[in-house]
Amino acid sequence: MPNVDSLFFMDLKGKSNIFTIVHWDVNSRGIGTYGKYYQVYAYTKDGSGRLIENKRVVDNSAMTGMDGYQEGEESIFLYKTAGAVKSFFKCGQARCK
C-alpha cells in the first residue's frame, strides 16, 4: 500500500506543479531487499485545466529509488523530503553544491 510522505507546490519552467512523495514498504529479505521504495510525482495543468503528469519529473531517474538495502547493498534515496526535491530542481538537477 502506498504512503504519501509529502504534498507540495513548486513552479517549474514558469508553470505551477503539485508534487507528491510516495513510498512503499519493501520486505524481500530472501533477496536482500528491504526498506522503502520512493517515487516522486508531479502534475501540472494542461490547456484545458486538467491535471497531467509532468514527465520531466516522473521520468527523471533521480526521482525514484530505494532507501534501505537492495540485493544486499545499502541504498540511500536522497529525495525523501520536499526541501530536497525543491533543491534538486532549483539547482539544475543537483549540479550546485
PDB file of N, CA and C in Angstrom:
ATOM      1  N   MET A   1       0.841  -1.168   0.000  1.00  0.00           N
ATOM      2  CA  MET A   1       0.000   0.000   0.000  1.00  0.00           C
ATOM      3  C   MET A   1       0.900   1.250   0.000  1.00  0.00           C
ATOM      4  N   PRO A   2       0.606   2.220  -0.846  1.00  0.00           N
ATOM      5  CA  PRO A   2       1.438   3.428  -0.894  1.00  0.00           C
ATOM      6  C   PRO A   2       1.197   4.333   0.312  1.00  0.00           C
ATOM      7  N   ASN A   3       2.243   5.050   0.694  1.00  0.00           N
ATOM      8  CA  ASN A   3       2.183   6.030   1.779  1.00  0.00           C
ATOM      9  C   ASN A   3       2.595   7.379   1.205  1.00  0.00           C
ATOM     10  N   VAL A   4       1.767   8.391   1.392  1.00  0.00           N
ATOM     11  CA  VAL A   4       2.098   9.735   0.923  1.00  0.00           C
ATOM     12  C   VAL A   4       2.879  10.433   2.033  1.00  0.00           C
ATOM     13  N   ASP A   5       4.134  10.775   1.734  1.00  0.00           N
ATOM     14  CA  ASP A   5       5.001  11.413   2.718  1.00  0.00           C
ATOM     15  C   ASP A   5       4.953  12.927   2.655  1.00  0.00           C
ATOM     16  N   SER A   6       4.694  13.472   1.470  1.00  0.00           N
ATOM     17  CA  SER A   6       4.699  14.926   1.320  1.00  0.00           C
ATOM     18  C   SER A   6       3.858  15.324   0.118  1.00  0.00           C
ATOM     19  N   LEU A   7       3.254  16.492   0.221  1.00  0.00           N
ATOM     20  CA  LEU A   7       2.481  17.086  -0.860  1.00  0.00           C
ATOM     21  C   LEU A   7       2.808  18.569  -0.844  1.00  0.00           C
ATOM     22  N   PHE A   8       3.292  19.099  -1.976  1.00  0.00           N
ATOM     23  CA  PHE A   8       3.709  20.500  -2.006  1.00  0.00           C
ATOM     24  C   PHE A   8       3.614  21.054  -3.427  1.00  0.00           C
ATOM     25  N   PHE A   9       3.679  22.368  -3.528  1.00  0.00           N
ATOM     26  CA  PHE A   9       3.608  23.058  -4.812  1.00  0.00           C
ATOM     27  C   PHE A   9       4.947  23.702  -5.130  1.00  0.00           C
ATOM     28  N   MET A  10       5.273  23.735  -6.418  1.00  0.00           N
ATOM     29  CA  MET A  10       6.506  24.374  -6.870  1.00  0.00           C
ATOM     30  C   MET A  10       6.367  24.706  -8.352  1.00  0.00           C
ATOM     31  N   ASP A  11       6.906  25.857  -8.740  1.00  0.00           N
ATOM     32  CA  ASP A  11       6.913  26.233 -10.149  1.00  0.00           C
ATOM     33  C   ASP A  11       8.109  25.615 -10.853  1.00  0.00           C
ATOM     34  N   LEU A  12       7.862  25.049 -12.032  1.00  0.00           N
ATOM     35  CA  LEU A  12       8.915  24.550 -12.908  1.00  0.00           C
ATOM     36  C   LEU A  12       8.685  25.136 -14.284  1.00  0.00           C
ATOM     37  N   LYS A  13       9.704  25.760 -14.821  1.00  0.00           N
ATOM     38  CA  LYS A  13       9.614  26.387 -16.146  1.00  0.00           C
ATOM     39  C   LYS A  13       8.377  27.275 -16.255  1.00  0.00           C
ATOM     40  N   GLY A  14       8.097  28.036 -15.188  1.00  0.00           N
ATOM     41  CA  GLY A  14       7.012  29.002 -15.196  1.00  0.00           C
ATOM     42  C   GLY A  14       5.617  28.428 -15.006  1.00  0.00           C
ATOM     43  N   LYS A  15       5.511  27.138 -14.735  1.00  0.00           N
ATOM     44  CA  LYS A  15       4.202  26.519 -14.537  1.00  0.00           C
ATOM     45  C   LYS A  15       4.126  25.928 -13.133  1.00  0.00           C
ATOM     46  N   SER A  16       2.991  26.153 -12.475  1.00  0.00           N
ATOM     47  CA  SER A  16       2.774  25.600 -11.144  1.00  0.00           C
ATOM     48  C   SER A  16       2.605  24.085 -11.229  1.00  0.00           C
ATOM     49  N   ASN A  17       3.264  23.383 -10.328  1.00  0.00           N
ATOM     50  CA  ASN A  17       3.178  21.922 -10.251  1.00  0.00           C
ATOM     51  C   ASN A  17       2.799  21.522  -8.837  1.00  0.00           C
ATOM     52  N   ILE A  18       2.034  20.452  -8.722  1.00  0.00           N
ATOM     53  CA  ILE A  18       1.785  19.844  -7.430  1.00  0.00           C
ATOM     54  C   ILE A  18       2.635  18.573  -7.383  1.00  0.00           C
ATOM     55  N   PHE A  19       3.440  18.463  -6.352  1.00  0.00           N
ATOM     56  CA  PHE A  19       4.339  17.328  -6.167  1.00  0.00           C
ATOM     57  C   PHE A  19       3.818  16.448  -5.045  1.00  0.00           C
ATOM     58  N   THR A  20       4.103  15.183  -5.152  1.00  0.00           N
ATOM     59  CA  THR A  20       3.867  14.265  -4.052  1.00  0.00           C
ATOM     60  C   THR A  20       5.031  13.283  -3.966  1.00  0.00           C
ATOM     61  N   ILE A  21       5.434  13.002  -2.746  1.00  0.00           N
ATOM     62  CA  ILE A  21       6.468  11.997  -2.496  1.00  0.00           C
ATOM     63  C   ILE A  21       5.760  10.806  -1.867  1.00  0.00           C
ATOM     64  N   VAL A  22       5.887   9.655  -2.518  1.00  0.00           N
ATOM     65  CA  VAL A  22       5.190   8.442  -2.104  1.00  0.00           C
ATOM     66  C   VAL A  22       6.226   7.358  -1.826  1.00  0.00           C
ATOM     67  N   HIS A  23       5.963   6.527  -0.823  1.00  0.00           N
ATOM     68  CA  HIS A  23       6.822   5.359  -0.618  1.00  0.00           C
ATOM     69  C   HIS A  23       5.986   4.114  -0.371  1.00  0.00           C
ATOM     70  N   TRP A  24       6.597   2.992  -0.681  1.00  0.00           N
ATOM     71  CA  TRP A  24       6.043   1.681  -0.413  1.00  0.00           C
ATOM     72  C   TRP A  24       7.039   0.938   0.458  1.00  0.00           C
ATOM     73  N   ASP A  25       6.560   0.251   1.478  1.00  0.00           N
ATOM     74  CA  ASP A  25       7.438  -0.601   2.282  1.00  0.00           C
ATOM     75  C   ASP A  25       7.754  -1.858   1.489  1.00  0.00           C
ATOM     76  N   VAL A  26       9.037  -2.232   1.488  1.00  0.00           N
ATOM     77  CA  VAL A  26       9.506  -3.402   0.748  1.00  0.00           C
ATOM     78  C   VAL A  26      10.165  -4.354   1.738  1.00  0.00           C
ATOM     79  N   ASN A  27       9.820  -5.624   1.646  1.00  0.00           N
ATOM     80  CA  ASN A  27      10.449  -6.613   2.514  1.00  0.00           C
ATOM     81  C   ASN A  27      10.608  -7.922   1.747  1.00  0.00           C
ATOM     82  N   SER A  28      11.710  -8.025   1.031  1.00  0.00           N
ATOM     83  CA  SER A  28      12.076  -9.248   0.309  1.00  0.00           C
ATOM     84  C   SER A  28      13.446  -9.678   0.805  1.00  0.00           C
ATOM     85  N   ARG A  29      13.492 -10.036   2.066  1.00  0.00           N
ATOM     86  CA  ARG A  29      14.782 -10.341   2.693  1.00  0.00           C
ATOM     87  C   ARG A  29      15.476 -11.533   2.045  1.00  0.00           C
ATOM     88  N   GLY A  30      14.734 -12.413   1.422  1.00  0.00           N
ATOM     89  CA  GLY A  30      15.337 -13.560   0.745  1.00  0.00           C
ATOM     90  C   GLY A  30      16.316 -13.149  -0.344  1.00  0.00           C
ATOM     91  N   ILE A  31      16.063 -11.997  -0.978  1.00  0.00           N
ATOM     92  CA  ILE A  31      16.992 -11.479  -1.991  1.00  0.00           C
ATOM     93  C   ILE A  31      17.763 -10.272  -1.455  1.00  0.00           C
ATOM     94  N   GLY A  32      17.613 -10.019  -0.148  1.00  0.00           N
ATOM     95  CA  GLY A  32      18.369  -8.931   0.475  1.00  0.00           C
ATOM     96  C   GLY A  32      17.855  -7.549   0.152  1.00  0.00           C
ATOM     97  N   THR A  33      16.561  -7.448  -0.141  1.00  0.00           N
ATOM     98  CA  THR A  33      15.970  -6.157  -0.475  1.00  0.00           C
ATOM     99  C   THR A  33      14.883  -5.826   0.547  1.00  0.00           C
ATOM    100  N   TYR A  34      15.103  -4.732   1.270  1.00  0.00           N
ATOM    101  CA  TYR A  34      14.103  -4.288   2.240  1.00  0.00           C
ATOM    102  C   TYR A  34      14.342  -2.820   2.561  1.00  0.00           C
ATOM    103  N   GLY A  35      13.294  -2.163   2.971  1.00  0.00           N
ATOM    104  CA  GLY A  35      13.335  -0.730   3.269  1.00  0.00           C
ATOM    105  C   GLY A  35      12.117  -0.058   2.670  1.00  0.00           C
ATOM    106  N   LYS A  36      12.350   1.093   2.076  1.00  0.00           N
ATOM    107  CA  LYS A  36      11.263   1.861   1.455  1.00  0.00           C
ATOM    108  C   LYS A  36      11.637   2.194   0.009  1.00  0.00           C
ATOM    109  N   TYR A  37      10.685   1.973  -0.880  1.00  0.00           N
ATOM    110  CA  TYR A  37      10.844   2.326  -2.289  1.00  0.00           C
ATOM    111  C   TYR A  37      10.119   3.641  -2.509  1.00  0.00           C
ATOM    112  N   TYR A  38      10.828   4.657  -3.004  1.00  0.00           N
ATOM    113  CA  TYR A  38      10.274   6.008  -3.173  1.00  0.00           C
ATOM    114  C   TYR A  38      10.033   6.351  -4.633  1.00  0.00           C
ATOM    115  N   GLN A  39       9.001   7.167  -4.857  1.00  0.00           N
ATOM    116  CA  GLN A  39       8.739   7.754  -6.163  1.00  0.00           C
ATOM    117  C   GLN A  39       8.224   9.174  -5.932  1.00  0.00           C
ATOM    118  N   VAL A  40       8.761  10.108  -6.683  1.00  0.00           N
ATOM    119  CA  VAL A  40       8.296  11.494  -6.644  1.00  0.00           C
ATOM    120  C   VAL A  40       7.459  11.722  -7.901  1.00  0.00           C
ATOM    121  N   TYR A  41       6.254  12.209  -7.710  1.00  0.00           N
ATOM    122  CA  TYR A  41       5.338  12.511  -8.813  1.00  0.00           C
ATOM    123  C   TYR A  41       5.107  14.014  -8.858  1.00  0.00           C
ATOM    124  N   ALA A  42       4.821  14.523 -10.058  1.00  0.00           N
ATOM    125  CA  ALA A  42       4.456  15.931 -10.214  1.00  0.00           C
ATOM    126  C   ALA A  42       3.389  16.038 -11.302  1.00  0.00           C
ATOM    127  N   TYR A  43       2.477  16.968 -11.088  1.00  0.00           N
ATOM    128  CA  TYR A  43       1.383  17.194 -12.025  1.00  0.00           C
ATOM    129  C   TYR A  43       1.240  18.688 -12.266  1.00  0.00           C
ATOM    130  N   THR A  44       0.883  19.028 -13.488  1.00  0.00           N
ATOM    131  CA  THR A  44       0.615  20.407 -13.866  1.00  0.00           C
ATOM    132  C   THR A  44      -0.680  20.425 -14.669  1.00  0.00           C
ATOM    133  N   LYS A  45      -1.191  21.603 -14.978  1.00  0.00           N
ATOM    134  CA  LYS A  45      -2.429  21.693 -15.751  1.00  0.00           C
ATOM    135  C   LYS A  45      -2.121  21.800 -17.237  1.00  0.00           C
ATOM    136  N   ASP A  46      -2.960  21.156 -18.048  1.00  0.00           N
ATOM    137  CA  ASP A  46      -2.840  21.318 -19.496  1.00  0.00           C
ATOM    138  C   ASP A  46      -3.678  22.522 -19.933  1.00  0.00           C
ATOM    139  N   GLY A  47      -3.779  22.753 -21.211  1.00  0.00           N
ATOM    140  CA  GLY A  47      -4.514  23.897 -21.743  1.00  0.00           C
ATOM    141  C   GLY A  47      -5.986  23.905 -21.391  1.00  0.00           C
ATOM    142  N   SER A  48      -6.548  22.748 -21.067  1.00  0.00           N
ATOM    143  CA  SER A  48      -7.960  22.635 -20.692  1.00  0.00           C
ATOM    144  C   SER A  48      -8.171  22.681 -19.185  1.00  0.00           C
ATOM    145  N   GLY A  49      -7.088  22.862 -18.428  1.00  0.00           N
ATOM    146  CA  GLY A  49      -7.202  22.932 -16.981  1.00  0.00           C
ATOM    147  C   GLY A  49      -7.194  21.588 -16.272  1.00  0.00           C
ATOM    148  N   ARG A  50      -6.933  20.509 -17.015  1.00  0.00           N
ATOM    149  CA  ARG A  50      -6.858  19.179 -16.409  1.00  0.00           C
ATOM    150  C   ARG A  50      -5.445  18.925 -15.898  1.00  0.00           C
ATOM    151  N   LEU A  51      -5.349  18.155 -14.817  1.00  0.00           N
ATOM    152  CA  LEU A  51      -4.036  17.780 -14.296  1.00  0.00           C
ATOM    153  C   LEU A  51      -3.430  16.699 -15.180  1.00  0.00           C
ATOM    154  N   ILE A  52      -2.168  16.930 -15.542  1.00  0.00           N
ATOM    155  CA  ILE A  52      -1.426  15.934 -16.314  1.00  0.00           C
ATOM    156  C   ILE A  52      -0.087  15.696 -15.634  1.00  0.00           C
ATOM    157  N   GLU A  53       0.436  14.505 -15.796  1.00  0.00           N
ATOM    158  CA  GLU A  53       1.716  14.147 -15.209  1.00  0.00           C
ATOM    159  C   GLU A  53       2.837  14.947 -15.863  1.00  0.00           C
ATOM    160  N   ASN A  54       3.738  15.471 -15.049  1.00  0.00           N
ATOM    161  CA  ASN A  54       4.899  16.192 -15.564  1.00  0.00           C
ATOM    162  C   ASN A  54       5.987  15.154 -15.822  1.00  0.00           C
ATOM    163  N   LYS A  55       6.187  14.802 -17.073  1.00  0.00           N
ATOM    164  CA  LYS A  55       7.140  13.761 -17.459  1.00  0.00           C
ATOM    165  C   LYS A  55       8.571  14.140 -17.115  1.00  0.00           C
ATOM    166  N   ARG A  56       8.890  15.427 -17.082  1.00  0.00           N
ATOM    167  CA  ARG A  56      10.242  15.869 -16.728  1.00  0.00           C
ATOM    168  C   ARG A  56      10.610  15.385 -15.322  1.00  0.00           C
ATOM    169  N   VAL A  57       9.634  15.347 -14.443  1.00  0.00           N
ATOM    170  CA  VAL A  57       9.865  14.901 -13.074  1.00  0.00           C
ATOM    171  C   VAL A  57       9.756  13.380 -12.984  1.00  0.00           C
ATOM    172  N   VAL A  58       8.647  12.835 -13.429  1.00  0.00           N
ATOM    173  CA  VAL A  58       8.354  11.414 -13.246  1.00  0.00           C
ATOM    174  C   VAL A  58       9.354  10.524 -13.983  1.00  0.00           C
ATOM    175  N   ASP A  59       9.819  10.940 -15.146  1.00  0.00           N
ATOM    176  CA  ASP A  59      10.764  10.133 -15.920  1.00  0.00           C
ATOM    177  C   ASP A  59      12.219  10.374 -15.530  1.00  0.00           C
ATOM    178  N   ASN A  60      12.461  11.260 -14.574  1.00  0.00           N
ATOM    179  CA  ASN A  60      13.819  11.530 -14.120  1.00  0.00           C
ATOM    180  C   ASN A  60      14.245  10.403 -13.176  1.00  0.00           C
ATOM    181  N   SER A  61      15.301   9.698 -13.522  1.00  0.00           N
ATOM    182  CA  SER A  61      15.714   8.529 -12.739  1.00  0.00           C
ATOM    183  C   SER A  61      16.084   8.869 -11.297  1.00  0.00           C
ATOM    184  N   ALA A  62      16.445  10.110 -11.020  1.00  0.00           N
ATOM    185  CA  ALA A  62      16.779  10.508  -9.650  1.00  0.00           C
ATOM    186  C   ALA A  62      15.547  10.565  -8.758  1.00  0.00           C
ATOM    187  N   MET A  63      14.352  10.613  -9.341  1.00  0.00           N
ATOM    188  CA  MET A  63      13.125  10.777  -8.574  1.00  0.00           C
ATOM    189  C   MET A  63      12.488   9.453  -8.170  1.00  0.00           C
ATOM    190  N   THR A  64      13.223   8.381  -8.281  1.00  0.00           N
ATOM    191  CA  THR A  64      12.756   7.080  -7.818  1.00  0.00           C
ATOM    192  C   THR A  64      13.942   6.323  -7.241  1.00  0.00           C
ATOM    193  N   GLY A  65      13.681   5.556  -6.189  1.00  0.00           N
ATOM    194  CA  GLY A  65      14.777   4.777  -5.638  1.00  0.00           C
ATOM    195  C   GLY A  65      14.447   4.134  -4.319  1.00  0.00           C
ATOM    196  N   MET A  66      15.379   3.336  -3.886  1.00  0.00           N
ATOM    197  CA  MET A  66      15.251   2.538  -2.672  1.00  0.00           C
ATOM    198  C   MET A  66      16.026   3.185  -1.537  1.00  0.00           C
ATOM    199  N   ASP A  67      15.440   3.174  -0.355  1.00  0.00           N
ATOM    200  CA  ASP A  67      16.125   3.608   0.851  1.00  0.00           C
ATOM    201  C   ASP A  67      16.118   2.416   1.804  1.00  0.00           C
ATOM    202  N   GLY A  68      17.248   1.794   1.952  1.00  0.00           N
ATOM    203  CA  GLY A  68      17.360   0.574   2.755  1.00  0.00           C
ATOM    204  C   GLY A  68      18.438  -0.290   2.152  1.00  0.00           C
ATOM    205  N   TYR A  69      18.065  -1.497   1.761  1.00  0.00           N
ATOM    206  CA  TYR A  69      19.014  -2.433   1.139  1.00  0.00           C
ATOM    207  C   TYR A  69      18.398  -3.008  -0.121  1.00  0.00           C
ATOM    208  N   GLN A  70      19.188  -3.042  -1.174  1.00  0.00           N
ATOM    209  CA  GLN A  70      18.747  -3.591  -2.441  1.00  0.00           C
ATOM    210  C   GLN A  70      19.746  -4.654  -2.856  1.00  0.00           C
ATOM    211  N   GLU A  71      19.286  -5.898  -2.878  1.00  0.00           N
ATOM    212  CA  GLU A  71      20.119  -7.056  -3.177  1.00  0.00           C
ATOM    213  C   GLU A  71      21.374  -7.074  -2.302  1.00  0.00           C
ATOM    214  N   GLY A  72      21.186  -6.791  -1.015  1.00  0.00           N
ATOM    215  CA  GLY A  72      22.261  -6.847  -0.046  1.00  0.00           C
ATOM    216  C   GLY A  72      23.140  -5.617   0.048  1.00  0.00           C
ATOM    217  N   GLU A  73      22.982  -4.673  -0.855  1.00  0.00           N
ATOM    218  CA  GLU A  73      23.780  -3.447  -0.862  1.00  0.00           C
ATOM    219  C   GLU A  73      22.958  -2.304  -0.273  1.00  0.00           C
ATOM    220  N   GLU A  74      23.588  -1.502   0.589  1.00  0.00           N
ATOM    221  CA  GLU A  74      22.892  -0.353   1.154  1.00  0.00           C
ATOM    222  C   GLU A  74      22.547   0.642   0.046  1.00  0.00           C
ATOM    223  N   SER A  75      21.353   1.180   0.121  1.00  0.00           N
ATOM    224  CA  SER A  75      20.873   2.140  -0.866  1.00  0.00           C
ATOM    225  C   SER A  75      20.242   3.314  -0.130  1.00  0.00           C
ATOM    226  N   ILE A  76      20.615   4.519  -0.521  1.00  0.00           N
ATOM    227  CA  ILE A  76      20.076   5.719   0.119  1.00  0.00           C
ATOM    228  C   ILE A  76      19.373   6.559  -0.936  1.00  0.00           C
ATOM    229  N   PHE A  77      18.097   6.832  -0.702  1.00  0.00           N
ATOM    230  CA  PHE A  77      17.339   7.707  -1.596  1.00  0.00           C
ATOM    231  C   PHE A  77      17.419   9.122  -1.041  1.00  0.00           C
ATOM    232  N   LEU A  78      17.923  10.042  -1.838  1.00  0.00           N
ATOM    233  CA  LEU A  78      18.224  11.392  -1.367  1.00  0.00           C
ATOM    234  C   LEU A  78      17.036  12.341  -1.337  1.00  0.00           C
ATOM    235  N   TYR A  79      15.948  12.019  -2.023  1.00  0.00           N
ATOM    236  CA  TYR A  79      14.866  12.983  -2.220  1.00  0.00           C
ATOM    237  C   TYR A  79      13.584  12.562  -1.489  1.00  0.00           C
ATOM    238  N   LYS A  80      13.715  12.358  -0.172  1.00  0.00           N
ATOM    239  CA  LYS A  80      12.595  11.927   0.665  1.00  0.00           C
ATOM    240  C   LYS A  80      11.791  13.093   1.216  1.00  0.00           C
ATOM    241  N   THR A  81      12.270  14.326   1.044  1.00  0.00           N
ATOM    242  CA  THR A  81      11.588  15.492   1.609  1.00  0.00           C
ATOM    243  C   THR A  81      11.311  16.532   0.528  1.00  0.00           C
ATOM    244  N   ALA A  82      10.345  17.383   0.804  1.00  0.00           N
ATOM    245  CA  ALA A  82      10.027  18.473  -0.132  1.00  0.00           C
ATOM    246  C   ALA A  82      11.243  19.369  -0.331  1.00  0.00           C
ATOM    247  N   GLY A  83      11.970  19.666   0.736  1.00  0.00           N
ATOM    248  CA  GLY A  83      13.147  20.522   0.631  1.00  0.00           C
ATOM    249  C   GLY A  83      14.203  19.939  -0.284  1.00  0.00           C
ATOM    250  N   ALA A  84      14.439  18.642  -0.192  1.00  0.00           N
ATOM    251  CA  ALA A  84      15.439  18.001  -1.038  1.00  0.00           C
ATOM    252  C   ALA A  84      15.021  18.021  -2.507  1.00  0.00           C
ATOM    253  N   VAL A  85      13.744  17.776  -2.777  1.00  0.00           N
ATOM    254  CA  VAL A  85      13.244  17.797  -4.162  1.00  0.00           C
ATOM    255  C   VAL A  85      13.324  19.213  -4.724  1.00  0.00           C
ATOM    256  N   LYS A  86      12.911  20.198  -3.936  1.00  0.00           N
ATOM    257  CA  LYS A  86      12.978  21.591  -4.388  1.00  0.00           C
ATOM    258  C   LYS A  86      14.415  21.991  -4.698  1.00  0.00           C
ATOM    259  N   SER A  87      15.349  21.631  -3.844  1.00  0.00           N
ATOM    260  CA  SER A  87      16.761  21.951  -4.087  1.00  0.00           C
ATOM    261  C   SER A  87      17.259  21.308  -5.370  1.00  0.00           C
ATOM    262  N   PHE A  88      16.861  20.061  -5.609  1.00  0.00           N
ATOM    263  CA  PHE A  88      17.267  19.347  -6.816  1.00  0.00           C
ATOM    264  C   PHE A  88      16.873  20.125  -8.067  1.00  0.00           C
ATOM    265  N   PHE A  89      15.618  20.555  -8.148  1.00  0.00           N
ATOM    266  CA  PHE A  89      15.149  21.234  -9.354  1.00  0.00           C
ATOM    267  C   PHE A  89      15.600  22.686  -9.418  1.00  0.00           C
ATOM    268  N   LYS A  90      15.757  23.346  -8.288  1.00  0.00           N
ATOM    269  CA  LYS A  90      16.239  24.735  -8.292  1.00  0.00           C
ATOM    270  C   LYS A  90      17.709  24.826  -8.659  1.00  0.00           C
ATOM    271  N   CYS A  91      18.458  23.774  -8.386  1.00  0.00           N
ATOM    272  CA  CYS A  91      19.897  23.763  -8.661  1.00  0.00           C
ATOM    273  C   CYS A  91      20.214  23.136 -10.010  1.00  0.00           C
ATOM    274  N   GLY A  92      19.243  23.030 -10.894  1.00  0.00           N
ATOM    275  CA  GLY A  92      19.512  22.467 -12.213  1.00  0.00           C
ATOM    276  C   GLY A  92      19.854  20.996 -12.131  1.00  0.00           C
ATOM    277  N   GLN A  93      19.058  20.241 -11.383  1.00  0.00           N
ATOM    278  CA  GLN A  93      19.187  18.809 -11.218  1.00  0.00           C
ATOM    279  C   GLN A  93      20.504  18.440 -10.552  1.00  0.00           C
ATOM    280  N   ALA A  94      20.696  19.016  -9.379  1.00  0.00           N
ATOM    281  CA  ALA A  94      21.774  18.647  -8.453  1.00  0.00           C
ATOM    282  C   ALA A  94      23.170  19.001  -8.937  1.00  0.00           C
ATOM    283  N   ARG A  95      23.295  20.027  -9.774  1.00  0.00           N
ATOM    284  CA  ARG A  95      24.629  20.427 -10.225  1.00  0.00           C
ATOM    285  C   ARG A  95      25.249  21.462  -9.309  1.00  0.00           C
ATOM    286  N   CYS A  96      24.485  22.025  -8.374  1.00  0.00           N
ATOM    287  CA  CYS A  96      25.075  23.005  -7.469  1.00  0.00           C
ATOM    288  C   CYS A  96      25.332  22.370  -6.114  1.00  0.00           C
ATOM    289  N   LYS A  97      26.189  22.952  -5.366  1.00  0.00           N
ATOM    290  CA  LYS A  97      26.559  22.395  -4.053  1.00  0.00           C
ATOM    291  C   LYS A  97      26.107  23.334  -2.964  1.00  0.00           C
TER     292      LYS A  97
END
